[in-house]
Amino acid sequence: MKLVFAVVQGKDADGLTAALRASGYRFTQVNSAGGFLREHNVTVMVGVDDAAVPDVLRVVKQNCYSRTQYVNPLLPVIEPGEFYVPSPVEVQVGGATVFVLNVRHYERMG
């Protein structure tokens, strides 16, 4: 048994959870915020048999996209009287970060 953790961008979460549901997978969704860009993220946790891991990874890959986004950098420390105009920086966001963990014991209650 495996536990698949997929941390995805909030924009991809609805499509991913709909595709997981359509494929018959049960999951738990936890909303979170990213560190660097402080963007809305979602962590999706799916418990599956070892043989189903490749299919879950396929569903994640098909529904979580990388995209380019422009962000304004943090203001640097400047001396009084100096003028600084930050220019947007191009960064890649999206896609998914996936962790697959071994599960020693699984029990569904209720």
C-alpha atoms as a PDB file:
ATOM      1  CA  MET A   1       0.000   0.000   0.000  1.00  0.00           C
ATOM      2  CA  LYS A   2       1.209   3.514  -0.825  1.00  0.00           C
ATOM      3  CA  LEU A   3       0.213   7.041   0.122  1.00  0.00           C
ATOM      4  CA  VAL A   4       0.631   9.535  -2.715  1.00  0.00           C
ATOM      5  CA  PHE A   5       1.006  13.181  -1.660  1.00  0.00           C
ATOM      6  CA  ALA A   6       0.617  15.613  -4.575  1.00  0.00           C
ATOM      7  CA  VAL A   7       1.154  19.318  -3.879  1.00  0.00           C
ATOM      8  CA  VAL A   8      -0.427  21.220  -6.773  1.00  0.00           C
ATOM      9  CA  GLN A   9      -1.240  24.813  -7.639  1.00  0.00           C
ATOM     10  CA  GLY A  10      -4.755  25.880  -6.660  1.00  0.00           C
ATOM     11  CA  LYS A  11      -5.632  26.514 -10.329  1.00  0.00           C
ATOM     12  CA  ASP A  12      -5.044  22.825 -11.101  1.00  0.00           C
ATOM     13  CA  ALA A  13      -6.809  21.372  -8.057  1.00  0.00           C
ATOM     14  CA  ASP A  14     -10.373  21.212  -9.402  1.00  0.00           C
ATOM     15  CA  GLY A  15      -9.342  19.432 -12.589  1.00  0.00           C
ATOM     16  CA  LEU A  16      -7.146  16.986 -10.681  1.00  0.00           C
ATOM     17  CA  THR A  17      -9.759  16.106  -8.069  1.00  0.00           C
ATOM     18  CA  ALA A  18     -12.442  15.659 -10.746  1.00  0.00           C
ATOM     19  CA  ALA A  19     -10.134  13.330 -12.715  1.00  0.00           C
ATOM     20  CA  LEU A  20      -9.243  11.326  -9.595  1.00  0.00           C
ATOM     21  CA  ARG A  21     -12.950  10.979  -8.759  1.00  0.00           C
ATOM     22  CA  ALA A  22     -13.734   9.907 -12.349  1.00  0.00           C
ATOM     23  CA  SER A  23     -10.987   7.277 -12.125  1.00  0.00           C
ATOM     24  CA  GLY A  24     -12.489   5.899  -8.910  1.00  0.00           C
ATOM     25  CA  TYR A  25      -9.853   7.089  -6.452  1.00  0.00           C
ATOM     26  CA  ARG A  26     -10.718   8.337  -2.978  1.00  0.00           C
ATOM     27  CA  PHE A  27      -8.604  11.218  -1.733  1.00  0.00           C
ATOM     28  CA  THR A  28      -8.255  13.889   0.907  1.00  0.00           C
ATOM     29  CA  GLN A  29      -7.648  17.507  -0.081  1.00  0.00           C
ATOM     30  CA  VAL A  30      -5.895  20.020   2.187  1.00  0.00           C
ATOM     31  CA  ASN A  31      -5.593  23.693   1.223  1.00  0.00           C
ATOM     32  CA  SER A  32      -2.218  25.311   1.826  1.00  0.00           C
ATOM     33  CA  ALA A  33      -0.064  28.258   0.771  1.00  0.00           C
ATOM     34  CA  GLY A  34       3.293  28.069  -0.963  1.00  0.00           C
ATOM     35  CA  GLY A  35       6.465  29.482   0.533  1.00  0.00           C
ATOM     36  CA  PHE A  36       8.179  31.545  -2.175  1.00  0.00           C
ATOM     37  CA  LEU A  37       5.196  33.090  -4.002  1.00  0.00           C
ATOM     38  CA  ARG A  38       2.652  32.557  -1.209  1.00  0.00           C
ATOM     39  CA  GLU A  39       0.242  31.198  -3.795  1.00  0.00           C
ATOM     40  CA  HIS A  40      -2.785  29.028  -3.058  1.00  0.00           C
ATOM     41  CA  ASN A  41      -1.782  25.359  -3.181  1.00  0.00           C
ATOM     42  CA  VAL A  42      -3.647  22.155  -2.560  1.00  0.00           C
ATOM     43  CA  THR A  43      -2.189  18.947  -1.159  1.00  0.00           C
ATOM     44  CA  VAL A  44      -4.038  15.868  -2.398  1.00  0.00           C
ATOM     45  CA  MET A  45      -3.473  12.610  -0.517  1.00  0.00           C
ATOM     46  CA  VAL A  46      -4.413   9.332  -2.196  1.00  0.00           C
ATOM     47  CA  GLY A  47      -4.039   5.918  -0.585  1.00  0.00           C
ATOM     48  CA  VAL A  48      -3.710   3.158  -3.195  1.00  0.00           C
ATOM     49  CA  ASP A  49      -2.352  -0.339  -3.763  1.00  0.00           C
ATOM     50  CA  ASP A  50       1.205  -0.419  -5.116  1.00  0.00           C
ATOM     51  CA  ALA A  51      -0.023  -1.385  -8.595  1.00  0.00           C
ATOM     52  CA  ALA A  52      -2.208   1.749  -8.865  1.00  0.00           C
ATOM     53  CA  VAL A  53       0.609   4.257  -8.208  1.00  0.00           C
ATOM     54  CA  PRO A  54       1.555   4.651 -11.914  1.00  0.00           C
ATOM     55  CA  ASP A  55      -2.081   5.381 -12.806  1.00  0.00           C
ATOM     56  CA  VAL A  56      -2.413   7.995 -10.045  1.00  0.00           C
ATOM     57  CA  LEU A  57       0.823   9.633 -11.232  1.00  0.00           C
ATOM     58  CA  ARG A  58      -0.542   9.639 -14.798  1.00  0.00           C
ATOM     59  CA  VAL A  59      -3.723  11.408 -13.641  1.00  0.00           C
ATOM     60  CA  VAL A  60      -1.659  14.000 -11.743  1.00  0.00           C
ATOM     61  CA  LYS A  61       0.613  14.596 -14.730  1.00  0.00           C
ATOM     62  CA  GLN A  62      -2.336  15.023 -17.112  1.00  0.00           C
ATOM     63  CA  ASN A  63      -4.044  17.598 -14.895  1.00  0.00           C
ATOM     64  CA  CYS A  64      -1.273  19.719 -13.367  1.00  0.00           C
ATOM     65  CA  TYR A  65       0.421  22.156 -15.712  1.00  0.00           C
ATOM     66  CA  SER A  66       3.516  24.274 -15.480  1.00  0.00           C
ATOM     67  CA  ARG A  67       3.030  27.909 -16.507  1.00  0.00           C
ATOM     68  CA  THR A  68       4.957  31.161 -16.615  1.00  0.00           C
ATOM     69  CA  GLN A  69       3.985  33.928 -14.220  1.00  0.00           C
ATOM     70  CA  TYR A  70       5.429  37.388 -13.631  1.00  0.00           C
ATOM     71  CA  VAL A  71       5.954  38.487 -10.039  1.00  0.00           C
ATOM     72  CA  ASN A  72       7.328  41.631  -8.463  1.00  0.00           C
ATOM     73  CA  PRO A  73      10.447  40.895  -6.402  1.00  0.00           C
ATOM     74  CA  LEU A  74      10.763  42.007  -2.798  1.00  0.00           C
ATOM     75  CA  LEU A  75      12.099  45.509  -2.370  1.00  0.00           C
ATOM     76  CA  PRO A  76      15.802  45.589  -1.504  1.00  0.00           C
ATOM     77  CA  VAL A  77      17.125  47.620   1.412  1.00  0.00           C
ATOM     78  CA  ILE A  78      17.830  51.068   0.015  1.00  0.00           C
ATOM     79  CA  GLU A  79      19.266  54.233   1.483  1.00  0.00           C
ATOM     80  CA  PRO A  80      16.993  57.228   2.167  1.00  0.00           C
ATOM     81  CA  GLY A  81      16.629  59.353  -0.950  1.00  0.00           C
ATOM     82  CA  GLU A  82      17.303  56.488  -3.364  1.00  0.00           C
ATOM     83  CA  PHE A  83      14.619  55.493  -5.837  1.00  0.00           C
ATOM     84  CA  TYR A  84      14.042  51.866  -6.843  1.00  0.00           C
ATOM     85  CA  VAL A  85      11.513  50.635  -9.392  1.00  0.00           C
ATOM     86  CA  PRO A  86      11.227  46.843  -9.297  1.00  0.00           C
ATOM     87  CA  SER A  87      10.684  45.134 -12.609  1.00  0.00           C
ATOM     88  CA  PRO A  88       8.636  41.925 -12.744  1.00  0.00           C
ATOM     89  CA  VAL A  89      10.561  38.649 -12.754  1.00  0.00           C
ATOM     90  CA  GLU A  90       9.466  35.658 -14.834  1.00  0.00           C
ATOM     91  CA  VAL A  91       9.072  32.415 -12.833  1.00  0.00           C
ATOM     92  CA  GLN A  92       7.749  28.931 -13.592  1.00  0.00           C
ATOM     93  CA  VAL A  93       4.811  27.888 -11.398  1.00  0.00           C
ATOM     94  CA  GLY A  94       2.421  24.981 -11.375  1.00  0.00           C
ATOM     95  CA  GLY A  95       3.017  21.365 -12.133  1.00  0.00           C
ATOM     96  CA  ALA A  96       3.066  19.089  -9.114  1.00  0.00           C
ATOM     97  CA  THR A  97       5.416  17.970  -6.399  1.00  0.00           C
ATOM     98  CA  VAL A  98       4.650  14.333  -5.606  1.00  0.00           C
ATOM     99  CA  PHE A  99       5.757  12.137  -2.721  1.00  0.00           C
ATOM    100  CA  VAL A 100       5.020   8.399  -2.628  1.00  0.00           C
ATOM    101  CA  LEU A 101       5.261   6.860   0.852  1.00  0.00           C
ATOM    102  CA  ASN A 102       5.009   3.289   2.073  1.00  0.00           C
ATOM    103  CA  VAL A 103       2.027   2.543   4.317  1.00  0.00           C
ATOM    104  CA  ARG A 104       2.487  -0.075   7.036  1.00  0.00           C
ATOM    105  CA  HIS A 105      -1.137  -0.238   8.084  1.00  0.00           C
ATOM    106  CA  TYR A 106      -4.369   0.936   6.501  1.00  0.00           C
ATOM    107  CA  GLU A 107      -7.832   0.710   7.982  1.00  0.00           C
ATOM    108  CA  ARG A 108     -11.024   2.323   6.709  1.00  0.00           C
ATOM    109  CA  MET A 109     -13.513   3.032   9.469  1.00  0.00           C
ATOM    110  CA  GLY A 110     -17.194   3.719   9.039  1.00  0.00           C
END
